[in-house]
């Protein structure tokens, strides 16, 4: 019998090439949860909470709080989603439902594998992290497991699971290009 025996974990809005979802699903399944993965974004807060007692976890981004060049729409969407999580937490808390979000920074996944082949780009990002490394899917899964557990007494919060990135900032686009040029990974100009 696992920690999540008899509970359903629904992972909504899953990208097919994002191993973060796979790692979370395996971790919850190992704790005896029934895991449902959906790529649909059509669920509304009301449809998600009608028949559950437990936890809603949204994957957000550190960029909801810090800058990333040329990502204004993405950053605004993540910031808006964080606020929606707080609204859901407030509205459904009395029904025993907790809603929280997790904000990773740059995370090693199949989606980021190609750009992370650049040692210069990776080093530039790692220099912005107080813990001097980018995140892993396992880091995010560990946070999600905690948030979903009965031991968690949090709602309406955003966990910054990003090695302290929000204490600093993402590298600027010009810094990334300069680092890659200096490393001989791309031509100058």
C-alpha atoms as a PDB file:
ATOM      1  CA  UNK A   1       0.000   0.000   0.000  1.00  0.00           C
ATOM      2  CA  UNK A   2       1.483   3.335  -1.080  1.00  0.00           C
ATOM      3  CA  UNK A   3       1.054   6.877   0.099  1.00  0.00           C
ATOM      4  CA  UNK A   4      -1.458   7.596  -2.684  1.00  0.00           C
ATOM      5  CA  UNK A   5      -3.450   4.358  -2.505  1.00  0.00           C
ATOM      6  CA  UNK A   6      -7.006   4.993  -3.746  1.00  0.00           C
ATOM      7  CA  UNK A   7      -6.158   8.443  -5.120  1.00  0.00           C
ATOM      8  CA  UNK A   8      -6.283   9.612  -8.708  1.00  0.00           C
ATOM      9  CA  UNK A   9      -3.562  11.860 -10.099  1.00  0.00           C
ATOM     10  CA  UNK A  10      -4.562  13.733 -13.259  1.00  0.00           C
ATOM     11  CA  UNK A  11      -1.754  15.332 -15.254  1.00  0.00           C
ATOM     12  CA  UNK A  12      -3.398  17.784 -17.666  1.00  0.00           C
ATOM     13  CA  UNK A  13      -1.895  19.595 -20.637  1.00  0.00           C
ATOM     14  CA  UNK A  14       0.947  17.131 -21.038  1.00  0.00           C
ATOM     15  CA  UNK A  15       3.347  17.589 -23.942  1.00  0.00           C
ATOM     16  CA  UNK A  16       4.075  14.250 -25.587  1.00  0.00           C
ATOM     17  CA  UNK A  17       7.835  14.794 -25.630  1.00  0.00           C
ATOM     18  CA  UNK A  18       8.158  16.056 -22.071  1.00  0.00           C
ATOM     19  CA  UNK A  19       9.677  13.423 -19.806  1.00  0.00           C
ATOM     20  CA  UNK A  20       8.766  15.539 -16.774  1.00  0.00           C
ATOM     21  CA  UNK A  21       5.245  14.122 -17.152  1.00  0.00           C
ATOM     22  CA  UNK A  22       6.567  10.570 -17.470  1.00  0.00           C
ATOM     23  CA  UNK A  23       8.762  10.913 -14.375  1.00  0.00           C
ATOM     24  CA  UNK A  24       5.876  12.363 -12.329  1.00  0.00           C
ATOM     25  CA  UNK A  25       3.496   9.639 -13.524  1.00  0.00           C
ATOM     26  CA  UNK A  26       5.973   6.881 -12.596  1.00  0.00           C
ATOM     27  CA  UNK A  27       6.593   8.417  -9.181  1.00  0.00           C
ATOM     28  CA  UNK A  28       2.876   8.648  -8.370  1.00  0.00           C
ATOM     29  CA  UNK A  29       2.209   5.136  -9.719  1.00  0.00           C
ATOM     30  CA  UNK A  30       4.994   3.778  -7.505  1.00  0.00           C
ATOM     31  CA  UNK A  31       3.066   5.231  -4.558  1.00  0.00           C
ATOM     32  CA  UNK A  32      -0.108   3.339  -5.661  1.00  0.00           C
ATOM     33  CA  UNK A  33      -1.925   6.244  -7.319  1.00  0.00           C
ATOM     34  CA  UNK A  34      -4.066   5.766 -10.401  1.00  0.00           C
ATOM     35  CA  UNK A  35      -2.492   8.124 -12.947  1.00  0.00           C
ATOM     36  CA  UNK A  36      -4.428   9.765 -15.795  1.00  0.00           C
ATOM     37  CA  UNK A  37      -2.506  11.819 -18.378  1.00  0.00           C
ATOM     38  CA  UNK A  38      -4.391  14.143 -20.725  1.00  0.00           C
ATOM     39  CA  UNK A  39      -3.136  16.464 -23.429  1.00  0.00           C
ATOM     40  CA  UNK A  40      -6.374  18.450 -23.390  1.00  0.00           C
ATOM     41  CA  UNK A  41      -6.520  22.020 -22.155  1.00  0.00           C
ATOM     42  CA  UNK A  42     -10.345  22.013 -22.210  1.00  0.00           C
ATOM     43  CA  UNK A  43     -10.792  21.144 -18.555  1.00  0.00           C
ATOM     44  CA  UNK A  44     -12.088  23.993 -16.402  1.00  0.00           C
ATOM     45  CA  UNK A  45     -11.457  24.372 -12.670  1.00  0.00           C
ATOM     46  CA  UNK A  46     -15.058  23.306 -11.975  1.00  0.00           C
ATOM     47  CA  UNK A  47     -14.774  20.131 -14.068  1.00  0.00           C
ATOM     48  CA  UNK A  48     -11.472  19.256 -12.413  1.00  0.00           C
ATOM     49  CA  UNK A  49     -12.718  19.539  -8.834  1.00  0.00           C
ATOM     50  CA  UNK A  50     -16.256  18.133  -8.927  1.00  0.00           C
ATOM     51  CA  UNK A  51     -15.335  14.615  -7.880  1.00  0.00           C
ATOM     52  CA  UNK A  52     -11.975  14.928  -6.156  1.00  0.00           C
ATOM     53  CA  UNK A  53     -10.636  15.521  -2.705  1.00  0.00           C
ATOM     54  CA  UNK A  54      -6.981  16.323  -2.711  1.00  0.00           C
ATOM     55  CA  UNK A  55      -4.609  18.409  -4.742  1.00  0.00           C
ATOM     56  CA  UNK A  56      -4.366  20.232  -8.067  1.00  0.00           C
ATOM     57  CA  UNK A  57      -0.804  20.909  -9.208  1.00  0.00           C
ATOM     58  CA  UNK A  58      -0.022  23.205 -12.115  1.00  0.00           C
ATOM     59  CA  UNK A  59       3.410  23.325 -13.731  1.00  0.00           C
ATOM     60  CA  UNK A  60       4.330  26.979 -14.102  1.00  0.00           C
ATOM     61  CA  UNK A  61       7.739  28.532 -14.777  1.00  0.00           C
ATOM     62  CA  UNK A  62      10.344  30.670 -13.063  1.00  0.00           C
ATOM     63  CA  UNK A  63       9.738  33.078 -15.945  1.00  0.00           C
ATOM     64  CA  UNK A  64       6.429  34.056 -14.320  1.00  0.00           C
ATOM     65  CA  UNK A  65       8.660  36.043 -11.943  1.00  0.00           C
ATOM     66  CA  UNK A  66      11.868  36.785 -13.858  1.00  0.00           C
ATOM     67  CA  UNK A  67      12.697  37.883 -17.382  1.00  0.00           C
ATOM     68  CA  UNK A  68      13.559  35.734 -20.378  1.00  0.00           C
ATOM     69  CA  UNK A  69      14.254  37.549 -23.638  1.00  0.00           C
ATOM     70  CA  UNK A  70      11.563  37.229 -26.337  1.00  0.00           C
ATOM     71  CA  UNK A  71       9.140  35.202 -24.199  1.00  0.00           C
ATOM     72  CA  UNK A  72       6.572  37.832 -23.144  1.00  0.00           C
ATOM     73  CA  UNK A  73       3.491  35.788 -24.083  1.00  0.00           C
ATOM     74  CA  UNK A  74       4.819  32.667 -22.341  1.00  0.00           C
ATOM     75  CA  UNK A  75       5.770  34.648 -19.230  1.00  0.00           C
ATOM     76  CA  UNK A  76       2.385  36.372 -19.071  1.00  0.00           C
ATOM     77  CA  UNK A  77       0.544  33.081 -19.505  1.00  0.00           C
ATOM     78  CA  UNK A  78       2.490  31.447 -16.667  1.00  0.00           C
ATOM     79  CA  UNK A  79       1.949  34.447 -14.364  1.00  0.00           C
ATOM     80  CA  UNK A  80      -1.778  34.376 -15.145  1.00  0.00           C
ATOM     81  CA  UNK A  81      -1.934  30.651 -14.475  1.00  0.00           C
ATOM     82  CA  UNK A  82      -0.264  31.164 -11.081  1.00  0.00           C
ATOM     83  CA  UNK A  83      -2.981  33.643 -10.203  1.00  0.00           C
ATOM     84  CA  UNK A  84      -5.681  31.212 -11.379  1.00  0.00           C
ATOM     85  CA  UNK A  85      -4.163  28.596  -9.044  1.00  0.00           C
ATOM     86  CA  UNK A  86      -4.592  31.032  -6.138  1.00  0.00           C
ATOM     87  CA  UNK A  87      -8.219  31.647  -7.159  1.00  0.00           C
ATOM     88  CA  UNK A  88      -8.946  27.899  -7.313  1.00  0.00           C
ATOM     89  CA  UNK A  89      -7.243  27.401  -3.929  1.00  0.00           C
ATOM     90  CA  UNK A  90      -9.407  30.109  -2.403  1.00  0.00           C
ATOM     91  CA  UNK A  91     -12.656  28.943  -4.001  1.00  0.00           C
ATOM     92  CA  UNK A  92     -12.295  25.202  -3.376  1.00  0.00           C
ATOM     93  CA  UNK A  93     -10.242  25.034  -0.173  1.00  0.00           C
ATOM     94  CA  UNK A  94     -13.348  24.562   1.948  1.00  0.00           C
ATOM     95  CA  UNK A  95     -14.057  21.380  -0.056  1.00  0.00           C
ATOM     96  CA  UNK A  96     -10.687  19.920   0.942  1.00  0.00           C
ATOM     97  CA  UNK A  97      -9.019  20.710  -2.370  1.00  0.00           C
ATOM     98  CA  UNK A  98      -5.550  22.236  -2.435  1.00  0.00           C
ATOM     99  CA  UNK A  99      -4.200  23.977  -5.538  1.00  0.00           C
ATOM    100  CA  UNK A 100      -0.535  24.864  -5.961  1.00  0.00           C
ATOM    101  CA  UNK A 101       1.930  25.411  -8.772  1.00  0.00           C
ATOM    102  CA  UNK A 102       5.545  24.454  -9.336  1.00  0.00           C
ATOM    103  CA  UNK A 103       7.952  26.808 -11.116  1.00  0.00           C
ATOM    104  CA  UNK A 104      10.963  25.064 -12.588  1.00  0.00           C
ATOM    105  CA  UNK A 105      13.636  26.961 -14.457  1.00  0.00           C
ATOM    106  CA  UNK A 106      15.477  25.453 -17.383  1.00  0.00           C
ATOM    107  CA  UNK A 107      15.021  21.700 -16.948  1.00  0.00           C
ATOM    108  CA  UNK A 108      16.829  18.857 -18.705  1.00  0.00           C
ATOM    109  CA  UNK A 109      14.104  17.107 -20.736  1.00  0.00           C
ATOM    110  CA  UNK A 110      13.844  15.816 -24.313  1.00  0.00           C
ATOM    111  CA  UNK A 111      12.330  19.228 -25.203  1.00  0.00           C
ATOM    112  CA  UNK A 112      15.520  21.004 -24.092  1.00  0.00           C
ATOM    113  CA  UNK A 113      18.013  18.334 -25.228  1.00  0.00           C
ATOM    114  CA  UNK A 114      18.961  20.046 -28.500  1.00  0.00           C
ATOM    115  CA  UNK A 115      19.819  23.492 -27.080  1.00  0.00           C
ATOM    116  CA  UNK A 116      21.546  21.881 -24.077  1.00  0.00           C
ATOM    117  CA  UNK A 117      24.026  20.214 -26.448  1.00  0.00           C
ATOM    118  CA  UNK A 118      25.746  23.609 -26.339  1.00  0.00           C
ATOM    119  CA  UNK A 119      28.220  23.458 -23.442  1.00  0.00           C
ATOM    120  CA  UNK A 120      28.498  27.264 -23.546  1.00  0.00           C
ATOM    121  CA  UNK A 121      24.721  27.770 -23.319  1.00  0.00           C
ATOM    122  CA  UNK A 122      24.466  25.287 -20.429  1.00  0.00           C
ATOM    123  CA  UNK A 123      27.364  26.930 -18.581  1.00  0.00           C
ATOM    124  CA  UNK A 124      25.793  30.372 -19.050  1.00  0.00           C
ATOM    125  CA  UNK A 125      22.496  29.175 -17.556  1.00  0.00           C
ATOM    126  CA  UNK A 126      24.185  27.282 -14.715  1.00  0.00           C
ATOM    127  CA  UNK A 127      26.087  30.437 -13.754  1.00  0.00           C
ATOM    128  CA  UNK A 128      22.717  32.085 -13.010  1.00  0.00           C
ATOM    129  CA  UNK A 129      21.641  29.360 -10.570  1.00  0.00           C
ATOM    130  CA  UNK A 130      22.825  29.644  -6.948  1.00  0.00           C
ATOM    131  CA  UNK A 131      22.889  25.812  -6.822  1.00  0.00           C
ATOM    132  CA  UNK A 132      25.008  25.900 -10.035  1.00  0.00           C
ATOM    133  CA  UNK A 133      22.973  23.374 -12.018  1.00  0.00           C
ATOM    134  CA  UNK A 134      19.769  23.312 -14.019  1.00  0.00           C
ATOM    135  CA  UNK A 135      16.820  21.252 -12.835  1.00  0.00           C
ATOM    136  CA  UNK A 136      15.818  17.700 -13.620  1.00  0.00           C
ATOM    137  CA  UNK A 137      12.447  16.083 -14.100  1.00  0.00           C
ATOM    138  CA  UNK A 138      13.109  14.233 -10.850  1.00  0.00           C
ATOM    139  CA  UNK A 139      13.377  17.569  -8.995  1.00  0.00           C
ATOM    140  CA  UNK A 140       9.934  18.569 -10.250  1.00  0.00           C
ATOM    141  CA  UNK A 141       8.455  15.117  -9.561  1.00  0.00           C
ATOM    142  CA  UNK A 142       9.708  15.230  -5.957  1.00  0.00           C
ATOM    143  CA  UNK A 143       7.990  18.577  -5.420  1.00  0.00           C
ATOM    144  CA  UNK A 144       4.773  17.326  -7.035  1.00  0.00           C
ATOM    145  CA  UNK A 145       4.799  14.229  -4.839  1.00  0.00           C
ATOM    146  CA  UNK A 146       5.076  16.417  -1.741  1.00  0.00           C
ATOM    147  CA  UNK A 147       2.313  18.785  -2.898  1.00  0.00           C
ATOM    148  CA  UNK A 148      -0.028  15.862  -3.606  1.00  0.00           C
ATOM    149  CA  UNK A 149       0.636  14.154  -0.267  1.00  0.00           C
ATOM    150  CA  UNK A 150      -1.661  14.334   2.737  1.00  0.00           C
ATOM    151  CA  UNK A 151       1.315  15.751   4.677  1.00  0.00           C
ATOM    152  CA  UNK A 152       1.202  18.940   2.601  1.00  0.00           C
ATOM    153  CA  UNK A 153      -0.566  21.818   4.371  1.00  0.00           C
ATOM    154  CA  UNK A 154      -0.216  24.349   1.558  1.00  0.00           C
ATOM    155  CA  UNK A 155      -2.642  25.842  -0.910  1.00  0.00           C
ATOM    156  CA  UNK A 156      -2.500  28.771  -3.310  1.00  0.00           C
ATOM    157  CA  UNK A 157       1.285  28.680  -3.349  1.00  0.00           C
ATOM    158  CA  UNK A 158       3.963  28.509  -6.011  1.00  0.00           C
ATOM    159  CA  UNK A 159       6.989  26.342  -5.258  1.00  0.00           C
ATOM    160  CA  UNK A 160      10.131  27.684  -6.911  1.00  0.00           C
ATOM    161  CA  UNK A 161      11.836  24.392  -7.845  1.00  0.00           C
ATOM    162  CA  UNK A 162      14.628  26.011  -9.805  1.00  0.00           C
ATOM    163  CA  UNK A 163      17.825  25.974  -7.772  1.00  0.00           C
ATOM    164  CA  UNK A 164      17.367  29.576  -6.664  1.00  0.00           C
ATOM    165  CA  UNK A 165      17.169  31.008 -10.182  1.00  0.00           C
ATOM    166  CA  UNK A 166      14.621  33.623  -9.072  1.00  0.00           C
ATOM    167  CA  UNK A 167      17.238  35.059  -6.718  1.00  0.00           C
ATOM    168  CA  UNK A 168      19.189  36.018  -9.839  1.00  0.00           C
ATOM    169  CA  UNK A 169      17.997  36.099 -13.451  1.00  0.00           C
ATOM    170  CA  UNK A 170      18.080  34.144 -16.684  1.00  0.00           C
ATOM    171  CA  UNK A 171      20.995  34.969 -18.971  1.00  0.00           C
ATOM    172  CA  UNK A 172      20.248  37.578 -21.623  1.00  0.00           C
ATOM    173  CA  UNK A 173      20.024  36.445 -25.231  1.00  0.00           C
ATOM    174  CA  UNK A 174      23.112  38.489 -26.077  1.00  0.00           C
ATOM    175  CA  UNK A 175      25.052  36.769 -23.268  1.00  0.00           C
ATOM    176  CA  UNK A 176      24.079  33.351 -24.627  1.00  0.00           C
ATOM    177  CA  UNK A 177      25.174  34.260 -28.172  1.00  0.00           C
ATOM    178  CA  UNK A 178      28.451  35.759 -26.905  1.00  0.00           C
ATOM    179  CA  UNK A 179      29.215  32.622 -24.878  1.00  0.00           C
ATOM    180  CA  UNK A 180      28.479  30.331 -27.841  1.00  0.00           C
ATOM    181  CA  UNK A 181      30.624  32.474 -30.177  1.00  0.00           C
ATOM    182  CA  UNK A 182      33.477  32.480 -27.645  1.00  0.00           C
ATOM    183  CA  UNK A 183      33.247  28.680 -27.376  1.00  0.00           C
ATOM    184  CA  UNK A 184      33.368  28.379 -31.183  1.00  0.00           C
ATOM    185  CA  UNK A 185      29.932  26.731 -31.249  1.00  0.00           C
ATOM    186  CA  UNK A 186      28.445  29.300 -33.625  1.00  0.00           C
ATOM    187  CA  UNK A 187      30.034  31.837 -35.984  1.00  0.00           C
ATOM    188  CA  UNK A 188      30.229  35.477 -34.951  1.00  0.00           C
ATOM    189  CA  UNK A 189      28.256  38.130 -36.693  1.00  0.00           C
END
